Protein backbone atom coordinates (compact mmCIF):
# COMPACT_ATOMS: atom_id res chain seq x y z
CA UNK A 1 -38.66 -10.95 38.45
CA UNK A 2 -41.99 -9.68 37.15
CA UNK A 3 -44.78 -12.27 37.14
CA UNK A 4 -47.74 -12.45 34.79
CA UNK A 5 -50.87 -14.56 34.98
CA UNK A 6 -51.81 -16.71 32.03
CA UNK A 7 -53.45 -20.08 31.41
CA UNK A 8 -52.70 -22.60 28.68
CA UNK A 9 -54.02 -26.20 28.60
CA UNK A 10 -54.09 -29.00 26.11
CA UNK A 11 -55.23 -32.56 26.47
CA UNK A 12 -53.35 -35.30 24.65
CA UNK A 13 -54.94 -38.64 24.98
CA UNK A 14 -56.48 -40.23 28.00
CA UNK A 15 -55.25 -40.24 31.56
CA UNK A 16 -53.09 -37.76 33.32
CA UNK A 17 -50.81 -36.76 30.46
CA UNK A 18 -51.60 -33.10 29.98
CA UNK A 19 -50.04 -29.75 29.37
CA UNK A 20 -51.23 -27.47 32.13
CA UNK A 21 -48.42 -25.04 32.89
CA UNK A 22 -48.57 -22.63 35.75
CA UNK A 23 -50.34 -19.38 35.02
CA UNK A 24 -47.31 -17.38 36.13
CA UNK A 25 -44.77 -16.58 33.41
CA UNK A 26 -41.41 -14.88 33.24
CA UNK A 27 -41.17 -11.29 32.08
CA UNK A 28 -40.74 -10.76 28.35
CA UNK A 29 -38.05 -8.18 29.06
CA UNK A 30 -36.14 -8.95 32.26
CA UNK A 31 -34.58 -12.39 31.82
CA UNK A 32 -32.84 -11.85 28.41
CA UNK A 33 -31.30 -8.54 29.45
CA UNK A 34 -28.08 -10.06 30.77
CA UNK A 35 -27.50 -11.94 27.49
CA UNK A 36 -27.97 -8.85 25.34
CA UNK A 37 -26.12 -6.59 27.77
CA UNK A 38 -23.21 -9.01 28.05
CA UNK A 39 -22.78 -9.32 24.30
CA UNK A 40 -23.13 -5.56 23.84
CA UNK A 41 -20.39 -5.02 26.41
CA UNK A 42 -18.11 -7.41 24.51
CA UNK A 43 -18.96 -5.74 21.20
CA UNK A 44 -18.31 -2.31 22.66
CA UNK A 45 -14.98 -3.47 24.06
CA UNK A 46 -13.84 -5.03 20.78
CA UNK A 47 -15.11 -2.38 18.38
CA UNK A 48 -14.19 0.47 20.71
CA UNK A 49 -10.64 -0.79 21.06
CA UNK A 50 -10.37 -1.27 17.30
CA UNK A 51 -11.76 2.21 16.67
CA UNK A 52 -9.32 3.74 19.14
CA UNK A 53 -6.34 2.07 17.47
CA UNK A 54 -7.60 3.01 14.03
CA UNK A 55 -8.27 6.60 15.07
CA UNK A 56 -4.84 7.11 16.60
CA UNK A 57 -2.98 4.92 14.14
CA UNK A 58 -1.12 3.22 16.95
CA UNK A 59 -1.33 2.92 20.72
CA UNK A 60 1.95 2.09 22.50
CA UNK A 61 2.15 0.29 25.81
CA UNK A 62 3.47 2.18 28.79
CA UNK A 63 7.28 2.17 29.08
CA UNK A 64 7.39 -0.11 32.13
CA UNK A 65 4.95 -2.66 30.74
CA UNK A 66 6.59 -2.63 27.32
CA UNK A 67 9.97 -3.29 28.87
CA UNK A 68 8.52 -6.08 31.02
CA UNK A 69 6.97 -7.82 28.01
CA UNK A 70 10.08 -7.34 25.88
CA UNK A 71 12.16 -8.97 28.60
CA UNK A 72 9.56 -11.70 29.23
CA UNK A 73 7.78 -12.49 25.93
CA UNK A 74 6.24 -15.70 27.30
CA UNK A 75 4.47 -13.71 30.02
CA UNK A 76 2.97 -11.48 27.35
CA UNK A 77 1.73 -14.50 25.39
CA UNK A 78 0.28 -16.12 28.50
CA UNK A 79 -1.56 -13.04 29.74
CA UNK A 80 -3.02 -12.11 26.36
CA UNK A 81 -4.07 -15.68 25.61
CA UNK A 82 -5.66 -16.01 29.04
CA UNK A 83 -7.61 -12.77 28.59
CA UNK A 84 -8.68 -13.69 25.05
CA UNK A 85 -9.81 -17.13 26.23
CA UNK A 86 -11.79 -15.60 29.10
CA UNK A 87 -13.56 -13.15 26.79
CA UNK A 88 -14.35 -15.75 24.15
CA UNK A 89 -15.53 -18.20 26.83
CA UNK A 90 -17.86 -15.56 28.25
CA UNK A 91 -19.23 -14.85 24.78
CA UNK A 92 -19.75 -18.57 24.15
CA UNK A 93 -21.50 -18.88 27.51
CA UNK A 94 -23.90 -16.07 26.57
CA UNK A 95 -24.51 -17.76 23.22
CA UNK A 96 -25.31 -21.05 24.97
CA UNK A 97 -27.67 -19.23 27.32
CA UNK A 98 -29.43 -17.60 24.38
CA UNK A 99 -29.96 -20.98 22.70
CA UNK A 100 -31.00 -22.55 26.01
CA UNK A 101 -33.66 -19.93 26.63
CA UNK A 102 -34.81 -20.20 23.03
CA UNK A 103 -35.23 -23.97 23.53
CA UNK A 104 -37.14 -23.51 26.79
CA UNK A 105 -39.39 -20.92 25.16
CA UNK A 106 -39.98 -23.12 22.13
CA UNK A 107 -41.03 -25.96 24.43
CA UNK A 108 -44.13 -23.96 25.37
CA UNK A 109 -45.38 -25.21 21.98
CA UNK A 110 -44.97 -28.62 20.40
CA UNK A 111 -41.41 -29.13 19.15
CA UNK A 112 -40.07 -32.11 17.14
CA UNK A 113 -37.62 -34.14 19.16
CA UNK A 114 -35.10 -33.84 16.33
CA UNK A 115 -35.24 -30.05 16.54
CA UNK A 116 -34.89 -30.25 20.31
CA UNK A 117 -31.84 -32.49 19.98
CA UNK A 118 -30.21 -30.33 17.33
CA UNK A 119 -30.81 -27.25 19.47
CA UNK A 120 -29.15 -28.92 22.45
CA UNK A 121 -26.11 -29.83 20.32
CA UNK A 122 -25.83 -26.28 19.02
CA UNK A 123 -26.15 -24.80 22.51
CA UNK A 124 -23.23 -27.03 23.51
CA UNK A 125 -21.32 -25.76 20.45
CA UNK A 126 -21.13 -29.24 18.99
CA UNK A 127 -21.35 -30.39 15.38
CA UNK A 128 -24.54 -32.01 14.06
CA UNK A 129 -23.28 -35.10 12.24
CA UNK A 130 -26.52 -36.80 11.15
CA UNK A 131 -27.24 -38.23 7.71
CA UNK A 132 -29.44 -36.09 5.48
CA UNK A 133 -29.58 -33.29 8.04
CA UNK A 134 -27.48 -30.96 5.92
CA UNK A 135 -29.17 -27.76 7.03
CA UNK A 136 -28.58 -28.45 10.71
CA UNK A 137 -25.10 -29.71 9.93
CA UNK A 138 -24.24 -26.48 8.11
CA UNK A 139 -25.71 -24.28 10.84
CA UNK A 140 -23.89 -26.18 13.58
CA UNK A 141 -20.59 -26.05 11.64
CA UNK A 142 -20.82 -22.30 11.14
CA UNK A 143 -21.59 -21.69 14.81
CA UNK A 144 -19.00 -24.24 15.96
CA UNK A 145 -16.15 -22.64 14.04
CA UNK A 146 -17.36 -19.11 14.84
CA UNK A 147 -17.28 -19.74 18.59
CA UNK A 148 -13.98 -21.58 18.21
CA UNK A 149 -12.41 -18.72 16.25
CA UNK A 150 -13.33 -16.12 18.85
CA UNK A 151 -10.23 -16.89 20.92
CA UNK A 152 -7.96 -16.41 17.92
CA UNK A 153 -9.75 -13.18 17.05
CA UNK A 154 -9.47 -11.72 20.53
CA UNK A 155 -5.83 -12.82 20.72
CA UNK A 156 -5.03 -11.11 17.42
CA UNK A 157 -6.79 -7.95 18.55
CA UNK A 158 -5.25 -7.73 22.02
CA UNK A 159 -1.70 -8.96 21.43
CA UNK A 160 0.73 -6.01 21.45
CA UNK A 161 3.14 -6.19 18.53
CA UNK A 162 6.44 -4.53 17.75
CA UNK A 163 5.74 -0.98 16.61
CA UNK A 164 7.78 2.12 15.96
CA UNK A 165 6.64 5.21 17.86
CA UNK A 166 7.71 8.77 17.14
CA UNK A 167 8.72 10.58 20.33
CA UNK A 168 9.51 14.32 20.26
CA UNK A 169 12.96 15.33 21.52
CA UNK A 170 14.31 18.62 22.77
CA UNK A 171 17.76 19.74 23.78
CA UNK A 172 20.39 22.46 23.48
CA UNK A 173 23.68 23.02 21.66
CA UNK A 174 26.39 25.64 21.26
CA UNK A 175 25.23 28.47 19.00
CA UNK A 176 28.28 29.74 17.11
CA UNK A 177 26.17 32.45 15.48
CA UNK A 178 25.16 33.97 18.82
CA UNK A 179 26.38 37.47 19.74
CA UNK A 180 27.86 35.98 22.90
CA UNK A 181 30.10 33.62 20.94
CA UNK A 182 31.16 36.38 18.56
CA UNK A 183 32.01 38.66 21.48
CA UNK A 184 34.03 36.04 23.37
CA UNK A 185 35.73 34.64 20.27
CA UNK A 186 39.07 36.49 20.65
CA UNK A 187 39.52 35.13 24.16
CA UNK A 188 38.29 31.67 23.19
CA UNK A 189 40.66 31.66 20.21
CA UNK A 190 43.67 32.51 22.30
CA UNK A 191 42.92 30.20 25.22
CA UNK A 192 41.22 27.23 23.59
CA UNK A 193 40.37 27.12 19.89
CA UNK A 194 43.80 27.62 18.31
CA UNK A 195 45.36 24.96 20.53
CA UNK A 196 42.50 22.60 19.72
CA UNK A 197 43.12 22.88 15.98
CA UNK A 198 46.92 22.63 16.39
CA UNK A 199 46.72 19.43 18.42
CA UNK A 200 46.63 15.70 17.88
CA UNK A 201 43.30 16.45 16.23
CA UNK A 202 45.29 17.11 13.03
CA UNK A 203 45.03 13.46 12.04
CA UNK A 204 41.23 13.63 12.20
CA UNK A 205 41.24 16.95 10.33
CA UNK A 206 43.15 15.27 7.52
CA UNK A 207 40.80 12.28 7.63
CA UNK A 208 37.76 14.56 7.37
CA UNK A 209 39.05 16.06 4.15
CA UNK A 210 39.90 12.63 2.76
CA UNK A 211 36.43 11.27 3.59
CA UNK A 212 34.70 14.16 1.84
CA UNK A 213 36.96 13.87 -1.22
CA UNK A 214 36.53 10.10 -1.34
CA UNK A 215 32.77 10.51 -1.42
CA UNK A 216 33.10 13.13 -4.15
CA UNK A 217 34.91 10.56 -6.27
CA UNK A 218 32.01 8.13 -5.94
CA UNK A 219 33.06 5.92 -3.05
CA UNK A 220 31.41 5.57 0.38
CA UNK A 221 33.28 7.13 3.26
CA UNK A 222 32.98 7.10 7.05
CA UNK A 223 34.62 9.52 9.47
CA UNK A 224 35.03 8.27 13.05
CA UNK A 225 35.03 10.90 15.77
CA UNK A 226 33.81 11.09 19.34
CA UNK A 227 32.39 7.57 19.42
CA UNK A 228 30.27 8.18 16.31
CA UNK A 229 30.72 7.07 12.72
CA UNK A 230 29.78 10.01 10.51
CA UNK A 231 28.62 9.26 7.00
CA UNK A 232 30.91 11.30 4.69
CA UNK A 233 31.22 14.35 6.96
CA UNK A 234 30.27 15.71 10.36
CA UNK A 235 28.69 18.77 8.64
CA UNK A 236 29.81 20.83 11.61
CA UNK A 237 27.26 19.48 14.11
CA UNK A 238 27.86 18.57 17.73
CA UNK A 239 26.39 15.06 18.25
CA UNK A 240 23.62 15.11 20.82
CA UNK A 241 23.60 13.02 23.95
CA UNK A 242 20.26 11.43 24.74
CA UNK A 243 19.32 11.44 28.39
CA UNK A 244 19.90 8.01 30.03
CA UNK A 245 21.51 6.61 26.86
CA UNK A 246 25.18 7.48 27.23
CA UNK A 247 27.88 5.63 25.34
CA UNK A 248 31.05 5.49 27.44
CA UNK A 249 33.25 6.00 24.37
CA UNK A 250 31.66 9.29 23.36
CA UNK A 251 33.80 12.38 23.73
CA UNK A 252 30.77 14.40 24.82
CA UNK A 253 29.76 12.09 27.68
CA UNK A 254 30.36 14.72 30.32
CA UNK A 255 28.55 17.61 28.68
CA UNK A 256 25.48 19.06 30.34
CA UNK A 257 23.91 19.84 26.95
CA UNK A 258 21.50 16.94 27.23
CA UNK A 259 18.78 16.04 24.74
CA UNK A 260 15.71 14.55 26.40
CA UNK A 261 12.42 13.03 25.31
CA UNK A 262 9.22 15.03 25.78
CA UNK A 263 7.16 11.81 25.95
CA UNK A 264 8.19 8.70 27.89
CA UNK A 265 9.77 5.64 26.35
CA UNK A 266 11.38 2.55 27.80
CA UNK A 267 15.00 2.22 28.80
CA UNK A 268 15.72 0.45 25.53
CA UNK A 269 17.63 2.92 23.29
CA UNK A 270 15.71 4.35 20.32
CA UNK A 271 16.25 2.63 17.00
CA UNK A 272 17.07 5.98 15.44
CA UNK A 273 16.37 9.64 15.89
CA UNK A 274 16.62 12.80 13.84
CA UNK A 275 17.59 16.23 15.15
CA UNK A 276 17.48 19.70 13.62
CA UNK A 277 20.92 21.09 14.42
CA UNK A 278 23.24 23.92 13.55
CA UNK A 279 26.08 22.94 11.25
CA UNK A 280 29.01 24.49 9.42
CA UNK A 281 29.84 24.12 5.75
CA UNK A 282 31.59 26.10 3.02
CA UNK A 283 31.06 27.09 -0.57
CA UNK A 284 34.39 26.25 -2.23
CA UNK A 285 35.40 26.98 -5.80
CA UNK A 286 38.87 26.24 -7.17
CA UNK A 287 40.54 26.97 -10.49
CA UNK A 288 44.00 26.46 -11.93
CA UNK A 289 46.24 29.51 -12.28
CA UNK A 290 49.72 30.53 -13.34
CA UNK A 291 51.09 32.95 -10.78
CA UNK A 292 54.40 34.76 -10.29
CA UNK A 293 55.69 37.99 -8.84
CA UNK A 294 54.07 40.03 -11.61
CA UNK A 295 50.67 38.34 -11.68
CA UNK A 296 47.58 39.36 -9.79
CA UNK A 297 47.39 38.03 -7.23
CA UNK A 298 51.13 38.03 -6.78
CA UNK A 299 53.05 34.92 -5.82
CA UNK A 300 56.76 34.79 -5.05
CA UNK A 301 58.83 31.66 -4.49
CA UNK A 302 62.35 31.72 -3.10
CA UNK A 303 64.74 28.96 -2.15
CA UNK A 304 67.60 29.74 0.24
CA UNK A 305 70.36 27.17 0.96
CA UNK A 306 70.78 26.22 4.60
CA UNK A 307 73.51 24.36 6.43
CA UNK A 308 76.19 25.40 3.97
CA UNK A 309 76.49 23.16 0.95
CA UNK A 310 74.43 20.33 2.48
CA UNK A 311 71.81 20.68 -0.23
CA UNK A 312 69.03 21.55 2.20
CA UNK A 313 66.84 24.39 0.98
CA UNK A 314 64.64 26.80 2.85
CA UNK A 315 61.59 27.48 0.70
CA UNK A 316 59.65 30.68 1.22
CA UNK A 317 56.41 31.53 -0.52
CA UNK A 318 54.45 34.75 -0.20
CA UNK A 319 51.53 36.66 -1.70
CA UNK A 320 50.06 40.09 -1.27
CA UNK A 321 46.73 40.49 0.46
CA UNK A 322 44.73 43.73 0.62
CA UNK A 323 46.25 45.59 3.52
CA UNK A 324 48.21 42.50 4.60
CA UNK A 325 50.88 40.03 3.61
CA UNK A 326 50.75 36.23 3.73
CA UNK A 327 53.75 33.96 3.64
CA UNK A 328 54.89 30.47 4.46
CA UNK A 329 57.94 28.28 4.27
CA UNK A 330 59.57 24.90 4.87
CA UNK A 331 62.88 23.07 4.56
CA UNK A 332 63.28 20.35 1.95
CA UNK A 333 65.72 17.47 1.74
CA UNK A 334 68.46 17.61 -0.90
CA UNK A 335 67.02 16.60 -4.24
CA UNK A 336 63.42 16.95 -3.05
CA UNK A 337 61.02 19.77 -3.74
CA UNK A 338 57.74 18.05 -3.02
CA UNK A 339 56.06 21.00 -1.37
CA UNK A 340 52.44 22.08 -1.18
CA UNK A 341 51.88 25.53 0.29
CA UNK A 342 48.62 27.27 1.15
CA UNK A 343 48.41 31.03 1.58
CA UNK A 344 45.22 32.92 2.26
CA UNK A 345 43.60 36.33 2.20
CA UNK A 346 40.25 37.37 3.66
CA UNK A 347 37.75 39.83 2.22
CA UNK A 348 34.23 40.94 3.14
CA UNK A 349 31.41 41.73 0.73
CA UNK A 350 28.75 44.40 1.15
CA UNK A 351 26.65 42.04 3.27
CA UNK A 352 29.42 41.27 5.74
CA UNK A 353 30.02 37.80 4.32
CA UNK A 354 33.67 36.84 4.71
CA UNK A 355 35.32 34.98 1.85
CA UNK A 356 38.80 33.51 2.08
CA UNK A 357 40.95 33.32 -1.03
CA UNK A 358 43.45 30.49 -0.75
CA UNK A 359 46.43 30.12 -3.07
CA UNK A 360 47.61 26.53 -3.14
CA UNK A 361 51.01 26.20 -4.76
CA UNK A 362 52.50 22.79 -5.40
CA UNK A 363 55.90 21.73 -6.64
CA UNK A 364 57.51 18.40 -7.38
CA UNK A 365 54.93 15.63 -7.04
CA UNK A 366 52.21 18.22 -6.54
CA UNK A 367 53.10 20.62 -9.36
CA UNK A 368 50.32 23.11 -10.00
CA UNK A 369 48.91 26.32 -8.64
CA UNK A 370 45.26 26.77 -7.69
CA UNK A 371 43.17 29.65 -6.45
CA UNK A 372 40.29 28.60 -4.21
CA UNK A 373 37.59 30.85 -2.80
CA UNK A 374 36.25 29.55 0.51
CA UNK A 375 33.04 31.01 1.93
CA UNK A 376 32.19 29.37 5.28
CA UNK A 377 28.47 29.31 6.10
CA UNK A 378 26.35 28.36 9.07
CA UNK A 379 23.65 26.02 7.83
CA UNK A 380 20.86 24.19 9.59
CA UNK A 381 21.27 20.44 9.27
CA UNK A 382 19.11 17.38 9.80
CA UNK A 383 21.17 14.78 11.63
CA UNK A 384 19.90 11.21 11.51
CA UNK A 385 21.26 9.04 14.33
CA UNK A 386 21.34 5.26 14.07
CA UNK A 387 23.81 4.24 16.75
CA UNK A 388 26.72 4.38 16.11
CA UNK A 389 26.16 6.07 12.73
CA UNK A 390 25.22 9.68 12.00
CA UNK A 391 24.11 10.79 8.56
CA UNK A 392 23.78 14.56 8.36
CA UNK A 393 22.08 16.35 5.48
CA UNK A 394 21.39 19.97 4.63
CA UNK A 395 18.04 21.42 5.66
CA UNK A 396 17.02 23.00 2.37
CA UNK A 397 14.15 24.85 4.03
CA UNK A 398 16.57 26.99 6.02
CA UNK A 399 18.84 29.57 4.36
CA UNK A 400 22.57 29.67 5.03
CA UNK A 401 23.95 32.39 7.31
CA UNK A 402 27.21 34.28 7.53
CA UNK A 403 29.63 32.11 9.48
CA UNK A 404 31.27 35.00 11.28
CA UNK A 405 34.05 34.04 13.68
CA UNK A 406 33.58 30.28 13.27
CA UNK A 407 34.34 30.76 9.57
CA UNK A 408 37.85 31.86 10.45
CA UNK A 409 38.26 28.66 12.46
CA UNK A 410 37.28 26.66 9.39
CA UNK A 411 39.82 28.40 7.19
CA UNK A 412 42.52 28.12 9.82
CA UNK A 413 41.89 24.37 10.04
CA UNK A 414 42.48 24.11 6.28
CA UNK A 415 45.63 26.21 6.53
CA UNK A 416 47.04 24.26 9.46
CA UNK A 417 46.35 20.95 7.72
CA UNK A 418 48.61 21.98 4.82
CA UNK A 419 51.26 23.32 7.19
CA UNK A 420 51.37 20.28 9.47
CA UNK A 421 51.12 17.98 6.49
CA UNK A 422 54.37 19.28 5.01
CA UNK A 423 57.59 17.44 5.78
CA UNK A 424 61.06 17.71 4.31
CA UNK A 425 60.24 15.13 1.65
CA UNK A 426 56.50 15.28 0.95
CA UNK A 427 53.13 16.67 1.97
CA UNK A 428 50.54 14.29 3.46
CA UNK A 429 47.63 16.40 2.20
CA UNK A 430 49.01 16.31 -1.32
CA UNK A 431 49.58 12.56 -1.08
CA UNK A 432 46.01 12.01 0.09
CA UNK A 433 44.45 14.14 -2.64
CA UNK A 434 46.59 12.53 -5.37
CA UNK A 435 45.78 9.01 -4.13
CA UNK A 436 42.04 9.71 -4.22
CA UNK A 437 42.27 11.36 -7.64
CA UNK A 438 44.29 8.55 -9.24
CA UNK A 439 41.96 5.86 -7.85
CA UNK A 440 39.03 7.02 -10.00
CA UNK A 441 38.33 8.57 -13.38
CA UNK A 442 34.97 10.29 -12.90
CA UNK A 443 35.91 13.39 -10.93
CA UNK A 444 38.32 16.19 -11.79
CA UNK A 445 41.23 17.10 -9.58
CA UNK A 446 39.66 20.48 -8.82
CA UNK A 447 36.41 18.86 -7.65
CA UNK A 448 38.33 16.56 -5.33
CA UNK A 449 40.33 19.51 -3.98
CA UNK A 450 37.11 21.45 -3.34
CA UNK A 451 35.54 18.52 -1.51
CA UNK A 452 38.71 18.04 0.56
CA UNK A 453 38.65 21.64 1.75
CA UNK A 454 34.90 21.50 2.45
CA UNK A 455 35.31 18.39 4.61
CA UNK A 456 37.97 20.08 6.74
CA UNK A 457 35.88 23.22 7.26
CA UNK A 458 32.85 21.17 8.27
CA UNK A 459 34.81 19.06 10.74
CA UNK A 460 36.35 22.13 12.35
CA UNK A 461 32.85 23.19 13.44
CA UNK A 462 32.28 19.83 15.13
CA UNK A 463 35.70 19.87 16.79
CA UNK A 464 35.26 23.34 18.30
CA UNK A 465 31.67 22.76 19.43
CA UNK A 466 32.79 19.57 21.12
CA UNK A 467 35.69 21.30 22.86
CA UNK A 468 33.44 24.08 24.13
CA UNK A 469 30.76 21.66 25.34
CA UNK A 470 32.66 19.03 27.33
CA UNK A 471 33.47 19.15 31.03
CA UNK A 472 37.19 19.79 30.52
CA UNK A 473 36.44 22.70 28.20
CA UNK A 474 36.42 26.40 29.03
CA UNK A 475 32.80 26.26 30.24
CA UNK A 476 33.16 23.06 32.31
CA UNK A 477 30.53 21.32 30.22
CA UNK A 478 27.89 23.97 30.86
CA UNK A 479 28.09 26.80 28.30
CA UNK A 480 26.20 29.96 29.24
CA UNK A 481 22.56 29.97 28.07
CA UNK A 482 23.20 33.07 25.92
CA UNK A 483 25.65 30.98 23.88
CA UNK A 484 23.30 28.04 23.31
CA UNK A 485 20.26 27.41 21.17
CA UNK A 486 17.31 25.06 21.55
CA UNK A 487 17.14 22.10 19.22
CA UNK A 488 14.31 19.69 18.50
CA UNK A 489 13.95 16.33 16.88
CA UNK A 490 12.10 13.06 16.79
CA UNK A 491 13.10 9.63 18.06
CA UNK A 492 11.84 6.45 16.46
CA UNK A 493 11.39 4.10 19.41
CA UNK A 494 10.86 0.38 18.96
CA UNK A 495 8.33 -0.68 21.54
CA UNK A 496 5.22 -2.81 21.96
CA UNK A 497 1.70 -1.69 21.22
CA UNK A 498 -1.17 -1.88 18.81
CA UNK A 499 -1.08 -0.63 15.23
CA UNK A 500 -3.81 -0.35 12.61
CA UNK A 501 -2.40 -1.12 9.18
CA UNK A 502 -5.33 -2.09 6.98
CA UNK A 503 -8.84 -3.51 6.90
CA UNK A 504 -7.43 -6.88 7.94
CA UNK A 505 -6.96 -5.46 11.42
CA UNK A 506 -10.74 -5.55 11.83
CA UNK A 507 -11.41 -8.82 10.03
CA UNK A 508 -10.13 -10.79 13.02
CA UNK A 509 -13.23 -9.66 14.94
CA UNK A 510 -15.70 -11.22 12.50
CA UNK A 511 -16.16 -14.41 14.61
CA UNK A 512 -16.74 -12.48 17.85
CA UNK A 513 -19.12 -10.01 16.19
CA UNK A 514 -20.99 -12.84 14.45
CA UNK A 515 -21.48 -14.82 17.68
CA UNK A 516 -22.61 -11.70 19.51
CA UNK A 517 -25.14 -10.76 16.84
CA UNK A 518 -26.46 -14.34 16.62
CA UNK A 519 -26.85 -14.46 20.40
CA UNK A 520 -28.73 -11.16 20.45
CA UNK A 521 -30.80 -12.17 17.43
CA UNK A 522 -31.84 -15.51 18.94
CA UNK A 523 -32.81 -13.79 22.18
CA UNK A 524 -34.87 -11.06 20.51
CA UNK A 525 -36.66 -13.41 18.10
CA UNK A 526 -37.49 -15.86 20.89
CA UNK A 527 -38.90 -13.07 23.02
CA UNK A 528 -40.85 -11.57 20.16
CA UNK A 529 -42.74 -14.77 19.39
CA UNK A 530 -43.33 -15.78 23.01
CA UNK A 531 -44.75 -13.88 25.94
CA UNK A 532 -42.51 -15.71 28.38
CA UNK A 533 -42.31 -19.17 29.92
CA UNK A 534 -43.97 -20.71 32.96
CA UNK A 535 -42.11 -19.58 36.03
CA UNK A 536 -41.54 -23.15 37.20
CA UNK A 537 -39.81 -23.94 33.87
CA UNK A 538 -37.49 -20.92 33.89
CA UNK A 539 -34.55 -22.84 35.36
CA UNK A 540 -34.86 -25.82 33.06
CA UNK A 541 -31.53 -26.40 31.30
CA UNK A 542 -31.60 -28.94 28.46
CA UNK A 543 -27.79 -28.97 28.55
CA UNK A 544 -27.92 -30.43 32.06
CA UNK A 545 -28.14 -34.23 31.63
CA UNK A 546 -29.81 -34.75 35.02
CA UNK A 547 -32.54 -32.19 34.34
CA UNK A 548 -32.98 -33.68 30.88
CA UNK A 549 -33.39 -37.18 32.34
CA UNK A 550 -35.76 -35.83 35.00
CA UNK A 551 -37.95 -34.23 32.32
CA UNK A 552 -37.94 -37.41 30.23
CA UNK A 553 -38.73 -39.67 33.21
CA UNK A 554 -41.88 -37.78 34.17
CA UNK A 555 -43.88 -40.27 32.11
CA UNK A 556 -45.07 -38.10 29.27
CA UNK A 557 -42.86 -39.78 26.63
CA UNK A 558 -43.79 -43.43 27.12
CA UNK A 559 -45.30 -43.69 23.65
CA UNK A 560 -42.57 -41.74 21.77
CA UNK A 561 -39.96 -44.44 21.10
CA UNK A 562 -40.86 -48.00 20.28
CA UNK A 563 -37.35 -49.27 20.99
CA UNK A 564 -33.63 -48.52 20.83
CA UNK A 565 -33.01 -49.66 17.29
CA UNK A 566 -32.30 -47.09 14.59
CA UNK A 567 -35.71 -47.31 12.95
CA UNK A 568 -37.62 -46.69 16.18
CA UNK A 569 -35.32 -43.83 17.17
CA UNK A 570 -35.62 -42.10 13.79
CA UNK A 571 -39.40 -42.55 13.90
CA UNK A 572 -39.55 -41.08 17.40
CA UNK A 573 -37.50 -38.04 16.40
CA UNK A 574 -40.34 -36.84 14.22
CA UNK A 575 -42.75 -36.73 17.15
CA UNK A 576 -43.36 -33.55 19.06
CA UNK A 577 -43.16 -32.77 22.75
CA UNK A 578 -43.78 -29.83 25.02
CA UNK A 579 -42.58 -29.01 28.51
CA UNK A 580 -45.62 -29.44 30.73
CA UNK A 581 -46.98 -31.46 33.62
CA UNK A 582 -47.54 -35.18 33.90
CA UNK A 583 -49.50 -36.24 36.93
CA UNK A 584 -48.45 -33.13 38.80
CA UNK A 585 -44.79 -33.42 37.75
CA UNK A 586 -42.98 -31.11 35.32
CA UNK A 587 -41.56 -32.93 32.33
CA UNK A 588 -41.75 -33.66 28.62
CA UNK A 589 -45.19 -34.42 27.26
CA UNK A 590 -45.78 -36.12 23.92
CA UNK A 591 -48.43 -34.25 21.95
């Protein structure tokens, strides 16, 4: 501590009552530094933290800590409240020290006892409840509630809340447009794909068409497959599997095509995530037609009796395709001719785009003939996952591509659905389409038929990608890299952290900032108007009752109060005292 030499003396009446402080004084600079520095540290912490949150928008907790607090919310409340209380208590302590030093400095000059008392109350953060002292009452109330509100402000600032954080994702999936897939398609078709379509999967193929047609007619529809509930249609995507978040019911559990997060998040599954994925769809257009053996295209129908005169008929239907011939047939019960055939021809345009022309011929309950052009396309999709739901939409920013070999799979799935749906008495596809059509009056039959076909084509892409990706598939769950493509996305993770929403995020700091500025202001003003205090008075604390009694008992205040009644006390409060020496003792001196 730097010492300075100075002399100040004042006589007040006879005898030994005098103000003769030591010539050594405290430094003007050194002693208030810790008050100012402490408050500046608190301000920097509060405003810096607020600025960081505002600048970044949100700051999430680390995965481990977030999980701990989510599992133990009371621990989070306790720790944050304890820290906020400690910070506000430290700020209040610095405020009290600023007022204390201001009081000690002011006592180097005559100070009214009332002012001294009010200052002591304020330094203790108490309310001044004295009649007609409205100014001091207002000042004490403002400072009382400001110091009191600091804890709430720090708590609001530091408490991590529930926030949603975007975490980038990356993964891989089967690329049905890759040269490798196109080259291996004949072998895959023979060994795997054809059997997959002509399997128990037929029920889901039919359901996929029904879901798409139902949505076309204005009703919501969900397609369940592989542990996921697809909104309307699968759109030909292979649902991703997030690393560490495997649902046991998912068909693709054993695939090694894993999607992982590029930034850490807790073990709590994401609320939702969106992935950019490759899908399969089709442009389908249908129209009514009247066809026979002389029309173009040609269509022939023949019924041949079987089993003698039993009444059973063998129906054969055929059409001519460029350079090929397409036919089909079934056996019908006696008296029934509820058949629905689908024949198809393929053609390529100048750009290599394959279009399938399907002739759908119905008799009996399904009377009518329709020509549908089906152009399968590979299309990028945006799949939104909200476990267990997937809603997949077209990515309009990405153009459609020629489906190639996978397009044939889509058409074959449509063809097989009509074939397997035909029995001796009815056709399940026809029944499904008619039921959907008759249940509404806003959509034409052709629109429902188009949607039905589209839904089947889209699901076929999902079915084949799933079969090629799982462990019991031809690649044992690990397709060759040349047949896969990278995919990216974003997960919305619910976690704990800090988020800046509006200006109200900073308003909670007003009490802490106010107390800090008042503390610094009191310190600077006190130092500006005083060169320091006598070194032997530097430790005097008016908040300490024993030091206060020691200063009052020095003998310099014998003529201040005439008694203990209200009148004498109020009269004495107007008198002034200084901190000086009385008969060689430090204490209060009435001047």
